[in-house]
Amino acid sequence: MRDNSLKGLLMLGSLLGIIGLIFIFFSHDLGTSLTNTLVAGSDYAASTYESKVKTNTLIILVTGIILSVVGLSTVVFALYKMENIKY
């Protein structure tokens, strides 16, 4: 792989990792706002609302973890390949 494509891969991995960390740190706020948007016009019981908040928060948390792992793996791969090109 060329050096320019590895730098692009490194930047992509960093971006995915940052987005994943944002999802992880703000998962509760994002899950709550997503649930509020989805049930705004409907009448739900409090237990159903809490269940939907928990479900949406968990979905966003898992998505953040997956993005962070993919980003970290991409960064490690790109750095490894960049070191191999130098020698």
C-alpha atoms as a PDB file:
ATOM      1  CA  MET A   1       0.000   0.000   0.000  1.00  0.00           C
ATOM      2  CA  ARG A   2       1.180   3.500  -0.675  1.00  0.00           C
ATOM      3  CA  ASP A   3       1.971   5.967   2.054  1.00  0.00           C
ATOM      4  CA  ASN A   4      -0.893   8.311   1.071  1.00  0.00           C
ATOM      5  CA  SER A   5      -3.494   5.581   1.259  1.00  0.00           C
ATOM      6  CA  LEU A   6      -2.161   4.514   4.646  1.00  0.00           C
ATOM      7  CA  LYS A   7      -2.433   8.072   5.927  1.00  0.00           C
ATOM      8  CA  GLY A   8      -6.033   8.157   4.705  1.00  0.00           C
ATOM      9  CA  LEU A   9      -6.692   4.842   6.397  1.00  0.00           C
ATOM     10  CA  LEU A  10      -5.137   6.199   9.589  1.00  0.00           C
ATOM     11  CA  MET A  11      -7.376   9.274   9.469  1.00  0.00           C
ATOM     12  CA  LEU A  12     -10.458   7.139   8.782  1.00  0.00           C
ATOM     13  CA  GLY A  13      -9.680   4.893  11.740  1.00  0.00           C
ATOM     14  CA  SER A  14      -9.148   7.898  13.983  1.00  0.00           C
ATOM     15  CA  LEU A  15     -12.453   9.396  12.871  1.00  0.00           C
ATOM     16  CA  LEU A  16     -14.311   6.140  13.506  1.00  0.00           C
ATOM     17  CA  GLY A  17     -12.736   5.870  16.951  1.00  0.00           C
ATOM     18  CA  ILE A  18     -13.690   9.437  17.855  1.00  0.00           C
ATOM     19  CA  ILE A  19     -17.267   8.951  16.655  1.00  0.00           C
ATOM     20  CA  GLY A  20     -17.449   5.704  18.633  1.00  0.00           C
ATOM     21  CA  LEU A  21     -16.221   7.421  21.791  1.00  0.00           C
ATOM     22  CA  ILE A  22     -18.779  10.191  21.348  1.00  0.00           C
ATOM     23  CA  PHE A  23     -21.503   7.546  21.017  1.00  0.00           C
ATOM     24  CA  ILE A  24     -20.245   5.798  24.151  1.00  0.00           C
ATOM     25  CA  PHE A  25     -19.998   8.929  26.292  1.00  0.00           C
ATOM     26  CA  PHE A  26     -23.339  10.406  25.183  1.00  0.00           C
ATOM     27  CA  SER A  27     -25.295   7.160  24.783  1.00  0.00           C
ATOM     28  CA  HIS A  28     -27.788   7.985  27.531  1.00  0.00           C
ATOM     29  CA  ASP A  29     -28.546  11.456  26.174  1.00  0.00           C
ATOM     30  CA  LEU A  30     -28.818  10.172  22.599  1.00  0.00           C
ATOM     31  CA  GLY A  31     -31.011   7.252  23.669  1.00  0.00           C
ATOM     32  CA  THR A  32     -33.324   9.517  25.632  1.00  0.00           C
ATOM     33  CA  SER A  33     -33.678  12.055  22.845  1.00  0.00           C
ATOM     34  CA  LEU A  34     -34.254   9.305  20.269  1.00  0.00           C
ATOM     35  CA  THR A  35     -36.976   7.787  22.437  1.00  0.00           C
ATOM     36  CA  ASN A  36     -38.590  11.186  23.004  1.00  0.00           C
ATOM     37  CA  THR A  37     -38.663  11.741  19.248  1.00  0.00           C
ATOM     38  CA  LEU A  38     -40.158   8.329  18.538  1.00  0.00           C
ATOM     39  CA  VAL A  39     -42.902   8.447  21.183  1.00  0.00           C
ATOM     40  CA  ALA A  40     -43.727  12.159  21.002  1.00  0.00           C
ATOM     41  CA  GLY A  41     -47.162  11.692  19.479  1.00  0.00           C
ATOM     42  CA  SER A  42     -48.075   8.443  21.201  1.00  0.00           C
ATOM     43  CA  ASP A  43     -49.386   7.565  24.640  1.00  0.00           C
ATOM     44  CA  TYR A  44     -47.052   5.104  26.338  1.00  0.00           C
ATOM     45  CA  ALA A  45     -47.008   3.882  29.893  1.00  0.00           C
ATOM     46  CA  ALA A  46     -44.052   4.881  32.051  1.00  0.00           C
ATOM     47  CA  SER A  47     -42.685   1.339  32.137  1.00  0.00           C
ATOM     48  CA  THR A  48     -42.836   1.086  28.344  1.00  0.00           C
ATOM     49  CA  TYR A  49     -41.105   4.445  27.985  1.00  0.00           C
ATOM     50  CA  GLU A  50     -38.318   3.424  30.363  1.00  0.00           C
ATOM     51  CA  SER A  51     -37.895   0.162  28.495  1.00  0.00           C
ATOM     52  CA  LYS A  52     -37.600   2.003  25.173  1.00  0.00           C
ATOM     53  CA  VAL A  53     -35.054   4.439  26.655  1.00  0.00           C
ATOM     54  CA  LYS A  54     -32.984   1.532  27.957  1.00  0.00           C
ATOM     55  CA  THR A  55     -33.180  -0.282  24.612  1.00  0.00           C
ATOM     56  CA  ASN A  56     -32.190   2.762  22.560  1.00  0.00           C
ATOM     57  CA  THR A  57     -29.371   3.615  24.975  1.00  0.00           C
ATOM     58  CA  LEU A  58     -28.025   0.082  24.726  1.00  0.00           C
ATOM     59  CA  ILE A  59     -28.204   0.141  20.917  1.00  0.00           C
ATOM     60  CA  ILE A  60     -26.242   3.400  20.771  1.00  0.00           C
ATOM     61  CA  LEU A  61     -23.723   2.109  23.332  1.00  0.00           C
ATOM     62  CA  VAL A  62     -23.086  -1.087  21.362  1.00  0.00           C
ATOM     63  CA  THR A  63     -22.776   0.916  18.139  1.00  0.00           C
ATOM     64  CA  GLY A  64     -20.201   3.154  19.809  1.00  0.00           C
ATOM     65  CA  ILE A  65     -18.214   0.176  21.046  1.00  0.00           C
ATOM     66  CA  ILE A  66     -18.205  -1.404  17.592  1.00  0.00           C
ATOM     67  CA  LEU A  67     -17.092   1.833  15.940  1.00  0.00           C
ATOM     68  CA  SER A  68     -14.332   2.308  18.512  1.00  0.00           C
ATOM     69  CA  VAL A  69     -13.018  -1.224  18.034  1.00  0.00           C
ATOM     70  CA  VAL A  70     -13.085  -0.942  14.239  1.00  0.00           C
ATOM     71  CA  GLY A  71     -11.349   2.437  14.435  1.00  0.00           C
ATOM     72  CA  LEU A  72      -8.679   1.151  16.796  1.00  0.00           C
ATOM     73  CA  SER A  73      -8.069  -1.912  14.638  1.00  0.00           C
ATOM     74  CA  THR A  74      -7.762   0.246  11.536  1.00  0.00           C
ATOM     75  CA  VAL A  75      -5.289   2.588  13.228  1.00  0.00           C
ATOM     76  CA  VAL A  76      -3.164  -0.306  14.480  1.00  0.00           C
ATOM     77  CA  PHE A  77      -3.162  -1.931  11.025  1.00  0.00           C
ATOM     78  CA  ALA A  78      -2.222   1.330   9.286  1.00  0.00           C
ATOM     79  CA  LEU A  79       0.586   2.049  11.748  1.00  0.00           C
ATOM     80  CA  TYR A  80       1.908  -1.496  11.380  1.00  0.00           C
ATOM     81  CA  LYS A  81       1.945  -1.199   7.587  1.00  0.00           C
ATOM     82  CA  MET A  82       3.603   2.224   7.757  1.00  0.00           C
ATOM     83  CA  GLU A  83       6.381   0.783   9.903  1.00  0.00           C
ATOM     84  CA  ASN A  84       6.881  -2.090   7.446  1.00  0.00           C
ATOM     85  CA  ILE A  85       7.194   0.332   4.512  1.00  0.00           C
ATOM     86  CA  LYS A  86       9.942   2.294   6.261  1.00  0.00           C
ATOM     87  CA  TYR A  87      12.220  -0.741   6.547  1.00  0.00           C
END
